[in-house]
């Protein structure tokens, strides 16, 4: 061994990732194919319900748009949009 030790090398600093419009478009495109469980919908507040159970019960009664894949209730982005439109109210003086 030599009398002097070699200096430790430092790792090169990584440049911060910059999100461009393509990355944002890709993430929104991926959201179109994403399926959310009732728990995720309540947690992220994607619909105005306070519990996953009440959300499931509405789906069982076919009051909300949802998918029943293999017996499990899931929501797509289109389902969430359609459910949001169900709760929309028109102004009083304007006919729908």
PDB file of N, CA and C in Angstrom:
ATOM      1  N   UNK A   1       0.832  -1.189   0.000  1.00  0.00           N
ATOM      2  CA  UNK A   1       0.000   0.000   0.000  1.00  0.00           C
ATOM      3  C   UNK A   1       0.863   1.234   0.000  1.00  0.00           C
ATOM      4  N   UNK A   2       0.323   2.273  -0.519  1.00  0.00           N
ATOM      5  CA  UNK A   2       1.066   3.526  -0.538  1.00  0.00           C
ATOM      6  C   UNK A   2       0.829   4.295   0.744  1.00  0.00           C
ATOM      7  N   UNK A   3       1.679   5.247   0.999  1.00  0.00           N
ATOM      8  CA  UNK A   3       1.598   6.026   2.233  1.00  0.00           C
ATOM      9  C   UNK A   3       0.434   7.009   2.196  1.00  0.00           C
ATOM     10  N   UNK A   4       0.045   7.493   1.002  1.00  0.00           N
ATOM     11  CA  UNK A   4      -1.066   8.449   0.912  1.00  0.00           C
ATOM     12  C   UNK A   4      -2.267   7.772   0.268  1.00  0.00           C
ATOM     13  N   UNK A   5      -3.420   8.031   0.814  1.00  0.00           N
ATOM     14  CA  UNK A   5      -4.652   7.439   0.282  1.00  0.00           C
ATOM     15  C   UNK A   5      -5.176   8.289  -0.866  1.00  0.00           C
ATOM     16  N   UNK A   6      -5.835   7.657  -1.791  1.00  0.00           N
ATOM     17  CA  UNK A   6      -6.440   8.406  -2.904  1.00  0.00           C
ATOM     18  C   UNK A   6      -7.721   9.071  -2.430  1.00  0.00           C
ATOM     19  N   UNK A   7      -8.024  10.199  -3.031  1.00  0.00           N
ATOM     20  CA  UNK A   7      -9.226  10.940  -2.649  1.00  0.00           C
ATOM     21  C   UNK A   7     -10.472  10.243  -3.201  1.00  0.00           C
ATOM     22  N   UNK A   8     -11.547  10.336  -2.439  1.00  0.00           N
ATOM     23  CA  UNK A   8     -12.828   9.758  -2.872  1.00  0.00           C
ATOM     24  C   UNK A   8     -13.409  10.630  -3.984  1.00  0.00           C
ATOM     25  N   UNK A   9     -13.947   9.989  -4.973  1.00  0.00           N
ATOM     26  CA  UNK A   9     -14.584  10.722  -6.069  1.00  0.00           C
ATOM     27  C   UNK A   9     -16.027  11.010  -5.698  1.00  0.00           C
ATOM     28  N   UNK A  10     -16.463  12.180  -6.079  1.00  0.00           N
ATOM     29  CA  UNK A  10     -17.853  12.557  -5.845  1.00  0.00           C
ATOM     30  C   UNK A  10     -18.663  12.224  -7.089  1.00  0.00           C
ATOM     31  N   UNK A  11     -19.881  11.825  -6.878  1.00  0.00           N
ATOM     32  CA  UNK A  11     -20.772  11.523  -8.001  1.00  0.00           C
ATOM     33  C   UNK A  11     -21.146  12.826  -8.703  1.00  0.00           C
ATOM     34  N   UNK A  12     -21.300  12.737  -9.986  1.00  0.00           N
ATOM     35  CA  UNK A  12     -21.689  13.917 -10.755  1.00  0.00           C
ATOM     36  C   UNK A  12     -23.098  14.333 -10.364  1.00  0.00           C
ATOM     37  N   UNK A  13     -23.314  15.622 -10.275  1.00  0.00           N
ATOM     38  CA  UNK A  13     -24.634  16.131  -9.904  1.00  0.00           C
ATOM     39  C   UNK A  13     -25.606  15.904 -11.060  1.00  0.00           C
ATOM     40  N   UNK A  14     -26.784  15.390 -10.710  1.00  0.00           N
ATOM     41  CA  UNK A  14     -27.794  15.136 -11.728  1.00  0.00           C
ATOM     42  C   UNK A  14     -28.569  16.413 -12.001  1.00  0.00           C
ATOM     43  N   UNK A  15     -28.887  16.612 -13.262  1.00  0.00           N
ATOM     44  CA  UNK A  15     -29.694  17.763 -13.630  1.00  0.00           C
ATOM     45  C   UNK A  15     -31.146  17.493 -13.237  1.00  0.00           C
ATOM     46  N   UNK A  16     -31.858  18.498 -12.759  1.00  0.00           N
ATOM     47  CA  UNK A  16     -33.257  18.281 -12.378  1.00  0.00           C
ATOM     48  C   UNK A  16     -34.105  17.948 -13.608  1.00  0.00           C
ATOM     49  N   UNK A  17     -35.082  17.084 -13.394  1.00  0.00           N
ATOM     50  CA  UNK A  17     -35.952  16.695 -14.499  1.00  0.00           C
ATOM     51  C   UNK A  17     -36.924  17.827 -14.793  1.00  0.00           C
ATOM     52  N   UNK A  18     -37.074  18.121 -16.057  1.00  0.00           N
ATOM     53  CA  UNK A  18     -37.989  19.169 -16.485  1.00  0.00           C
ATOM     54  C   UNK A  18     -39.132  18.502 -17.230  1.00  0.00           C
ATOM     55  N   UNK A  19     -40.353  18.772 -16.780  1.00  0.00           N
ATOM     56  CA  UNK A  19     -41.510  18.193 -17.460  1.00  0.00           C
ATOM     57  C   UNK A  19     -41.880  19.087 -18.620  1.00  0.00           C
ATOM     58  N   UNK A  20     -41.956  18.488 -19.771  1.00  0.00           N
ATOM     59  CA  UNK A  20     -42.368  19.262 -20.932  1.00  0.00           C
ATOM     60  C   UNK A  20     -43.820  18.953 -21.252  1.00  0.00           C
ATOM     61  N   UNK A  21     -44.355  19.592 -22.260  1.00  0.00           N
ATOM     62  CA  UNK A  21     -45.765  19.409 -22.589  1.00  0.00           C
ATOM     63  C   UNK A  21     -46.059  17.984 -23.030  1.00  0.00           C
ATOM     64  N   UNK A  22     -45.096  17.323 -23.641  1.00  0.00           N
ATOM     65  CA  UNK A  22     -45.326  15.936 -24.054  1.00  0.00           C
ATOM     66  C   UNK A  22     -45.517  15.032 -22.857  1.00  0.00           C
ATOM     67  N   UNK A  23     -44.756  15.267 -21.804  1.00  0.00           N
ATOM     68  CA  UNK A  23     -44.892  14.452 -20.598  1.00  0.00           C
ATOM     69  C   UNK A  23     -46.250  14.684 -19.951  1.00  0.00           C
ATOM     70  N   UNK A  24     -46.717  15.919 -19.942  1.00  0.00           N
ATOM     71  CA  UNK A  24     -48.022  16.235 -19.370  1.00  0.00           C
ATOM     72  C   UNK A  24     -49.125  15.606 -20.211  1.00  0.00           C
ATOM     73  N   UNK A  25     -49.006  15.691 -21.545  1.00  0.00           N
ATOM     74  CA  UNK A  25     -49.996  15.079 -22.421  1.00  0.00           C
ATOM     75  C   UNK A  25     -50.013  13.569 -22.237  1.00  0.00           C
ATOM     76  N   UNK A  26     -48.851  12.969 -22.047  1.00  0.00           N
ATOM     77  CA  UNK A  26     -48.782  11.517 -21.862  1.00  0.00           C
ATOM     78  C   UNK A  26     -49.447  11.120 -20.555  1.00  0.00           C
ATOM     79  N   UNK A  27     -49.253  11.915 -19.504  1.00  0.00           N
ATOM     80  CA  UNK A  27     -49.855  11.556 -18.223  1.00  0.00           C
ATOM     81  C   UNK A  27     -51.372  11.698 -18.279  1.00  0.00           C
ATOM     82  N   UNK A  28     -51.883  12.706 -18.992  1.00  0.00           N
ATOM     83  CA  UNK A  28     -53.335  12.835 -19.111  1.00  0.00           C
ATOM     84  C   UNK A  28     -53.901  11.754 -20.012  1.00  0.00           C
ATOM     85  N   UNK A  29     -53.124  11.327 -21.012  1.00  0.00           N
ATOM     86  CA  UNK A  29     -53.576  10.233 -21.870  1.00  0.00           C
ATOM     87  C   UNK A  29     -53.621   8.926 -21.088  1.00  0.00           C
ATOM     88  N   UNK A  30     -52.667   8.725 -20.195  1.00  0.00           N
ATOM     89  CA  UNK A  30     -52.663   7.525 -19.368  1.00  0.00           C
ATOM     90  C   UNK A  30     -53.842   7.531 -18.402  1.00  0.00           C
ATOM     91  N   UNK A  31     -54.275   8.710 -17.964  1.00  0.00           N
ATOM     92  CA  UNK A  31     -55.402   8.802 -17.042  1.00  0.00           C
ATOM     93  C   UNK A  31     -56.694   8.334 -17.702  1.00  0.00           C
ATOM     94  N   UNK A  32     -56.782   8.435 -19.018  1.00  0.00           N
ATOM     95  CA  UNK A  32     -57.970   7.970 -19.729  1.00  0.00           C
ATOM     96  C   UNK A  32     -58.147   6.465 -19.591  1.00  0.00           C
ATOM     97  N   UNK A  33     -57.068   5.729 -19.447  1.00  0.00           N
ATOM     98  CA  UNK A  33     -57.138   4.276 -19.359  1.00  0.00           C
ATOM     99  C   UNK A  33     -57.034   3.763 -17.928  1.00  0.00           C
ATOM    100  N   UNK A  34     -56.856   4.652 -16.995  1.00  0.00           N
ATOM    101  CA  UNK A  34     -56.700   4.284 -15.583  1.00  0.00           C
ATOM    102  C   UNK A  34     -58.048   3.939 -14.995  1.00  0.00           C
ATOM    103  N   UNK A  35     -58.089   2.965 -14.096  1.00  0.00           N
ATOM    104  CA  UNK A  35     -59.294   2.598 -13.368  1.00  0.00           C
ATOM    105  C   UNK A  35     -59.077   2.922 -11.897  1.00  0.00           C
ATOM    106  N   UNK A  36     -60.044   3.614 -11.295  1.00  0.00           N
ATOM    107  CA  UNK A  36     -59.966   3.962  -9.891  1.00  0.00           C
ATOM    108  C   UNK A  36     -60.952   3.124  -9.093  1.00  0.00           C
ATOM    109  N   UNK A  37     -60.539   2.686  -7.919  1.00  0.00           N
ATOM    110  CA  UNK A  37     -61.438   1.984  -7.005  1.00  0.00           C
ATOM    111  C   UNK A  37     -62.254   3.027  -6.240  1.00  0.00           C
ATOM    112  N   UNK A  38     -63.360   2.635  -5.607  1.00  0.00           N
ATOM    113  CA  UNK A  38     -64.129   3.604  -4.819  1.00  0.00           C
ATOM    114  C   UNK A  38     -63.294   4.262  -3.710  1.00  0.00           C
ATOM    115  N   UNK A  39     -62.373   3.500  -3.119  1.00  0.00           N
ATOM    116  CA  UNK A  39     -61.513   4.079  -2.077  1.00  0.00           C
ATOM    117  C   UNK A  39     -60.629   5.190  -2.636  1.00  0.00           C
ATOM    118  N   UNK A  40     -60.074   4.979  -3.833  1.00  0.00           N
ATOM    119  CA  UNK A  40     -59.225   5.999  -4.453  1.00  0.00           C
ATOM    120  C   UNK A  40     -60.033   7.226  -4.848  1.00  0.00           C
ATOM    121  N   UNK A  41     -61.258   7.014  -5.304  1.00  0.00           N
ATOM    122  CA  UNK A  41     -62.113   8.140  -5.692  1.00  0.00           C
ATOM    123  C   UNK A  41     -62.422   9.008  -4.478  1.00  0.00           C
ATOM    124  N   UNK A  42     -62.730   8.384  -3.358  1.00  0.00           N
ATOM    125  CA  UNK A  42     -63.029   9.146  -2.130  1.00  0.00           C
ATOM    126  C   UNK A  42     -61.770   9.826  -1.603  1.00  0.00           C
ATOM    127  N   UNK A  43     -60.643   9.115  -1.620  1.00  0.00           N
ATOM    128  CA  UNK A  43     -59.388   9.670  -1.101  1.00  0.00           C
ATOM    129  C   UNK A  43     -58.941  10.886  -1.900  1.00  0.00           C
ATOM    130  N   UNK A  44     -59.058  10.815  -3.217  1.00  0.00           N
ATOM    131  CA  UNK A  44     -58.635  11.935  -4.074  1.00  0.00           C
ATOM    132  C   UNK A  44     -59.728  12.969  -4.282  1.00  0.00           C
ATOM    133  N   UNK A  45     -60.912  12.712  -3.720  1.00  0.00           N
ATOM    134  CA  UNK A  45     -62.063  13.616  -3.830  1.00  0.00           C
ATOM    135  C   UNK A  45     -62.422  13.892  -5.289  1.00  0.00           C
ATOM    136  N   UNK A  46     -62.473  12.827  -6.080  1.00  0.00           N
ATOM    137  CA  UNK A  46     -62.845  12.957  -7.486  1.00  0.00           C
ATOM    138  C   UNK A  46     -64.355  13.078  -7.658  1.00  0.00           C
ATOM    139  N   UNK A  47     -65.113  12.614  -6.677  1.00  0.00           N
ATOM    140  CA  UNK A  47     -66.569  12.761  -6.638  1.00  0.00           C
ATOM    141  C   UNK A  47     -66.952  13.225  -5.234  1.00  0.00           C
ATOM    142  N   UNK A  48     -68.087  13.891  -5.095  1.00  0.00           N
ATOM    143  CA  UNK A  48     -68.454  14.452  -3.781  1.00  0.00           C
ATOM    144  C   UNK A  48     -69.090  13.437  -2.835  1.00  0.00           C
ATOM    145  N   UNK A  49     -68.386  12.377  -2.521  1.00  0.00           N
ATOM    146  CA  UNK A  49     -68.867  11.382  -1.564  1.00  0.00           C
ATOM    147  C   UNK A  49     -67.829  11.234  -0.469  1.00  0.00           C
ATOM    148  N   UNK A  50     -68.324  10.996   0.762  1.00  0.00           N
ATOM    149  CA  UNK A  50     -67.405  10.963   1.903  1.00  0.00           C
ATOM    150  C   UNK A  50     -66.934   9.562   2.268  1.00  0.00           C
ATOM    151  N   UNK A  51     -67.607   8.527   1.754  1.00  0.00           N
ATOM    152  CA  UNK A  51     -67.164   7.177   2.081  1.00  0.00           C
ATOM    153  C   UNK A  51     -67.258   6.275   0.856  1.00  0.00           C
ATOM    154  N   UNK A  52     -66.378   5.296   0.828  1.00  0.00           N
ATOM    155  CA  UNK A  52     -66.373   4.344  -0.284  1.00  0.00           C
ATOM    156  C   UNK A  52     -67.630   3.487  -0.253  1.00  0.00           C
ATOM    157  N   UNK A  53     -68.149   3.228   0.939  1.00  0.00           N
ATOM    158  CA  UNK A  53     -69.348   2.401   1.060  1.00  0.00           C
ATOM    159  C   UNK A  53     -70.555   3.066   0.407  1.00  0.00           C
ATOM    160  N   UNK A  54     -70.743   4.364   0.650  1.00  0.00           N
ATOM    161  CA  UNK A  54     -71.875   5.066   0.036  1.00  0.00           C
ATOM    162  C   UNK A  54     -71.723   5.106  -1.484  1.00  0.00           C
ATOM    163  N   UNK A  55     -70.505   5.230  -1.940  1.00  0.00           N
ATOM    164  CA  UNK A  55     -70.247   5.222  -3.377  1.00  0.00           C
ATOM    165  C   UNK A  55     -70.591   3.862  -3.977  1.00  0.00           C
ATOM    166  N   UNK A  56     -70.207   2.788  -3.290  1.00  0.00           N
ATOM    167  CA  UNK A  56     -70.528   1.430  -3.756  1.00  0.00           C
ATOM    168  C   UNK A  56     -72.031   1.181  -3.776  1.00  0.00           C
ATOM    169  N   UNK A  57     -72.716   1.639  -2.737  1.00  0.00           N
ATOM    170  CA  UNK A  57     -74.164   1.430  -2.670  1.00  0.00           C
ATOM    171  C   UNK A  57     -74.878   2.121  -3.821  1.00  0.00           C
ATOM    172  N   UNK A  58     -74.435   3.310  -4.178  1.00  0.00           N
ATOM    173  CA  UNK A  58     -75.021   4.009  -5.326  1.00  0.00           C
ATOM    174  C   UNK A  58     -74.768   3.223  -6.614  1.00  0.00           C
ATOM    175  N   UNK A  59     -73.601   2.606  -6.721  1.00  0.00           N
ATOM    176  CA  UNK A  59     -73.295   1.794  -7.901  1.00  0.00           C
ATOM    177  C   UNK A  59     -74.136   0.527  -7.934  1.00  0.00           C
ATOM    178  N   UNK A  60     -74.342  -0.078  -6.761  1.00  0.00           N
ATOM    179  CA  UNK A  60     -75.184  -1.280  -6.696  1.00  0.00           C
ATOM    180  C   UNK A  60     -76.607  -0.965  -7.149  1.00  0.00           C
ATOM    181  N   UNK A  61     -77.102   0.220  -6.797  1.00  0.00           N
ATOM    182  CA  UNK A  61     -78.454   0.639  -7.178  1.00  0.00           C
ATOM    183  C   UNK A  61     -78.508   1.210  -8.591  1.00  0.00           C
ATOM    184  N   UNK A  62     -77.359   1.239  -9.264  1.00  0.00           N
ATOM    185  CA  UNK A  62     -77.221   1.764 -10.634  1.00  0.00           C
ATOM    186  C   UNK A  62     -77.616   3.237 -10.728  1.00  0.00           C
ATOM    187  N   UNK A  63     -77.238   3.993  -9.718  1.00  0.00           N
ATOM    188  CA  UNK A  63     -77.472   5.432  -9.710  1.00  0.00           C
ATOM    189  C   UNK A  63     -76.261   6.199 -10.235  1.00  0.00           C
ATOM    190  N   UNK A  64     -75.105   5.546 -10.322  1.00  0.00           N
ATOM    191  CA  UNK A  64     -73.882   6.162 -10.830  1.00  0.00           C
ATOM    192  C   UNK A  64     -73.318   5.319 -11.971  1.00  0.00           C
ATOM    193  N   UNK A  65     -72.580   5.975 -12.845  1.00  0.00           N
ATOM    194  CA  UNK A  65     -71.887   5.261 -13.915  1.00  0.00           C
ATOM    195  C   UNK A  65     -70.630   4.615 -13.343  1.00  0.00           C
ATOM    196  N   UNK A  66     -70.431   3.339 -13.626  1.00  0.00           N
ATOM    197  CA  UNK A  66     -69.244   2.630 -13.151  1.00  0.00           C
ATOM    198  C   UNK A  66     -69.051   1.384 -14.003  1.00  0.00           C
ATOM    199  N   UNK A  67     -67.964   0.682 -13.752  1.00  0.00           N
ATOM    200  CA  UNK A  67     -67.694  -0.607 -14.394  1.00  0.00           C
ATOM    201  C   UNK A  67     -67.658  -1.671 -13.306  1.00  0.00           C
ATOM    202  N   UNK A  68     -68.156  -2.838 -13.640  1.00  0.00           N
ATOM    203  CA  UNK A  68     -68.106  -3.963 -12.701  1.00  0.00           C
ATOM    204  C   UNK A  68     -67.265  -5.056 -13.331  1.00  0.00           C
ATOM    205  N   UNK A  69     -65.977  -4.898 -13.205  1.00  0.00           N
ATOM    206  CA  UNK A  69     -65.035  -5.839 -13.796  1.00  0.00           C
ATOM    207  C   UNK A  69     -64.777  -6.981 -12.840  1.00  0.00           C
ATOM    208  N   UNK A  70     -65.272  -8.159 -13.187  1.00  0.00           N
ATOM    209  CA  UNK A  70     -65.041  -9.318 -12.338  1.00  0.00           C
ATOM    210  C   UNK A  70     -65.652  -9.160 -10.963  1.00  0.00           C
ATOM    211  N   UNK A  71     -66.763  -8.433 -10.851  1.00  0.00           N
ATOM    212  CA  UNK A  71     -67.416  -8.246  -9.565  1.00  0.00           C
ATOM    213  C   UNK A  71     -66.881  -7.081  -8.759  1.00  0.00           C
ATOM    214  N   UNK A  72     -65.841  -6.402  -9.247  1.00  0.00           N
ATOM    215  CA  UNK A  72     -65.286  -5.251  -8.542  1.00  0.00           C
ATOM    216  C   UNK A  72     -65.737  -3.966  -9.222  1.00  0.00           C
ATOM    217  N   UNK A  73     -66.084  -2.985  -8.433  1.00  0.00           N
ATOM    218  CA  UNK A  73     -66.521  -1.702  -8.961  1.00  0.00           C
ATOM    219  C   UNK A  73     -65.304  -0.840  -9.214  1.00  0.00           C
ATOM    220  N   UNK A  74     -65.192  -0.329 -10.439  1.00  0.00           N
ATOM    221  CA  UNK A  74     -64.107   0.586 -10.798  1.00  0.00           C
ATOM    222  C   UNK A  74     -64.698   1.755 -11.592  1.00  0.00           C
ATOM    223  N   UNK A  75     -63.943   2.844 -11.633  1.00  0.00           N
ATOM    224  CA  UNK A  75     -64.353   4.043 -12.344  1.00  0.00           C
ATOM    225  C   UNK A  75     -63.290   4.429 -13.353  1.00  0.00           C
ATOM    226  N   UNK A  76     -63.706   4.776 -14.559  1.00  0.00           N
ATOM    227  CA  UNK A  76     -62.798   5.324 -15.564  1.00  0.00           C
ATOM    228  C   UNK A  76     -62.945   6.842 -15.550  1.00  0.00           C
ATOM    229  N   UNK A  77     -62.110   7.522 -16.306  1.00  0.00           N
ATOM    230  CA  UNK A  77     -62.205   8.980 -16.400  1.00  0.00           C
ATOM    231  C   UNK A  77     -63.546   9.381 -17.005  1.00  0.00           C
ATOM    232  N   UNK A  78     -64.011   8.627 -17.972  1.00  0.00           N
ATOM    233  CA  UNK A  78     -65.307   8.910 -18.595  1.00  0.00           C
ATOM    234  C   UNK A  78     -66.449   8.734 -17.593  1.00  0.00           C
ATOM    235  N   UNK A  79     -66.376   7.711 -16.764  1.00  0.00           N
ATOM    236  CA  UNK A  79     -67.390   7.511 -15.723  1.00  0.00           C
ATOM    237  C   UNK A  79     -67.419   8.699 -14.768  1.00  0.00           C
ATOM    238  N   UNK A  80     -66.254   9.167 -14.365  1.00  0.00           N
ATOM    239  CA  UNK A  80     -66.187  10.306 -13.446  1.00  0.00           C
ATOM    240  C   UNK A  80     -66.772  11.560 -14.082  1.00  0.00           C
ATOM    241  N   UNK A  81     -66.497  11.769 -15.377  1.00  0.00           N
ATOM    242  CA  UNK A  81     -67.072  12.926 -16.076  1.00  0.00           C
ATOM    243  C   UNK A  81     -68.596  12.838 -16.129  1.00  0.00           C
ATOM    244  N   UNK A  82     -69.108  11.664 -16.465  1.00  0.00           N
ATOM    245  CA  UNK A  82     -70.554  11.479 -16.579  1.00  0.00           C
ATOM    246  C   UNK A  82     -71.230  11.637 -15.220  1.00  0.00           C
ATOM    247  N   UNK A  83     -70.599  11.151 -14.163  1.00  0.00           N
ATOM    248  CA  UNK A  83     -71.162  11.301 -12.823  1.00  0.00           C
ATOM    249  C   UNK A  83     -71.148  12.757 -12.380  1.00  0.00           C
ATOM    250  N   UNK A  84     -70.156  13.507 -12.782  1.00  0.00           N
ATOM    251  CA  UNK A  84     -70.092  14.927 -12.448  1.00  0.00           C
ATOM    252  C   UNK A  84     -71.210  15.680 -13.153  1.00  0.00           C
ATOM    253  N   UNK A  85     -71.510  15.302 -14.390  1.00  0.00           N
ATOM    254  CA  UNK A  85     -72.595  15.943 -15.132  1.00  0.00           C
ATOM    255  C   UNK A  85     -73.958  15.633 -14.518  1.00  0.00           C
ATOM    256  N   UNK A  86     -74.100  14.488 -13.838  1.00  0.00           N
ATOM    257  CA  UNK A  86     -75.366  14.155 -13.188  1.00  0.00           C
ATOM    258  C   UNK A  86     -75.730  15.179 -12.128  1.00  0.00           C
ATOM    259  N   UNK A  87     -74.731  15.712 -11.447  1.00  0.00           N
ATOM    260  CA  UNK A  87     -74.988  16.655 -10.366  1.00  0.00           C
ATOM    261  C   UNK A  87     -75.055  18.107 -10.805  1.00  0.00           C
ATOM    262  N   UNK A  88     -74.849  18.366 -12.085  1.00  0.00           N
ATOM    263  CA  UNK A  88     -74.846  19.752 -12.568  1.00  0.00           C
ATOM    264  C   UNK A  88     -76.270  20.316 -12.567  1.00  0.00           C
ATOM    265  N   UNK A  89     -76.392  21.588 -12.224  1.00  0.00           N
ATOM    266  CA  UNK A  89     -77.702  22.261 -12.224  1.00  0.00           C
ATOM    267  C   UNK A  89     -77.640  23.428 -13.162  1.00  0.00           C
ATOM    268  N   UNK A  90     -78.714  23.609 -13.911  1.00  0.00           N
ATOM    269  CA  UNK A  90     -78.816  24.730 -14.844  1.00  0.00           C
ATOM    270  C   UNK A  90     -79.322  25.958 -14.091  1.00  0.00           C
ATOM    271  N   UNK A  91     -78.947  27.156 -14.531  1.00  0.00           N
ATOM    272  CA  UNK A  91     -79.468  28.371 -13.902  1.00  0.00           C
ATOM    273  C   UNK A  91     -80.992  28.436 -14.047  1.00  0.00           C
ATOM    274  N   UNK A  92     -81.649  29.145 -13.145  1.00  0.00           N
ATOM    275  CA  UNK A  92     -83.112  29.151 -13.079  1.00  0.00           C
ATOM    276  C   UNK A  92     -83.755  29.743 -14.323  1.00  0.00           C
ATOM    277  N   UNK A  93     -83.248  30.845 -14.831  1.00  0.00           N
ATOM    278  CA  UNK A  93     -83.908  31.542 -15.939  1.00  0.00           C
ATOM    279  C   UNK A  93     -83.618  30.977 -17.314  1.00  0.00           C
ATOM    280  N   UNK A  94     -82.682  30.064 -17.435  1.00  0.00           N
ATOM    281  CA  UNK A  94     -82.278  29.552 -18.746  1.00  0.00           C
ATOM    282  C   UNK A  94     -82.771  28.120 -18.911  1.00  0.00           C
ATOM    283  N   UNK A  95     -83.552  27.833 -19.976  1.00  0.00           N
ATOM    284  CA  UNK A  95     -84.010  26.448 -20.178  1.00  0.00           C
ATOM    285  C   UNK A  95     -82.852  25.565 -20.591  1.00  0.00           C
ATOM    286  N   UNK A  96     -82.898  24.315 -20.195  1.00  0.00           N
ATOM    287  CA  UNK A  96     -81.811  23.381 -20.461  1.00  0.00           C
ATOM    288  C   UNK A  96     -81.768  22.906 -21.871  1.00  0.00           C
TER     289      UNK A  96
END
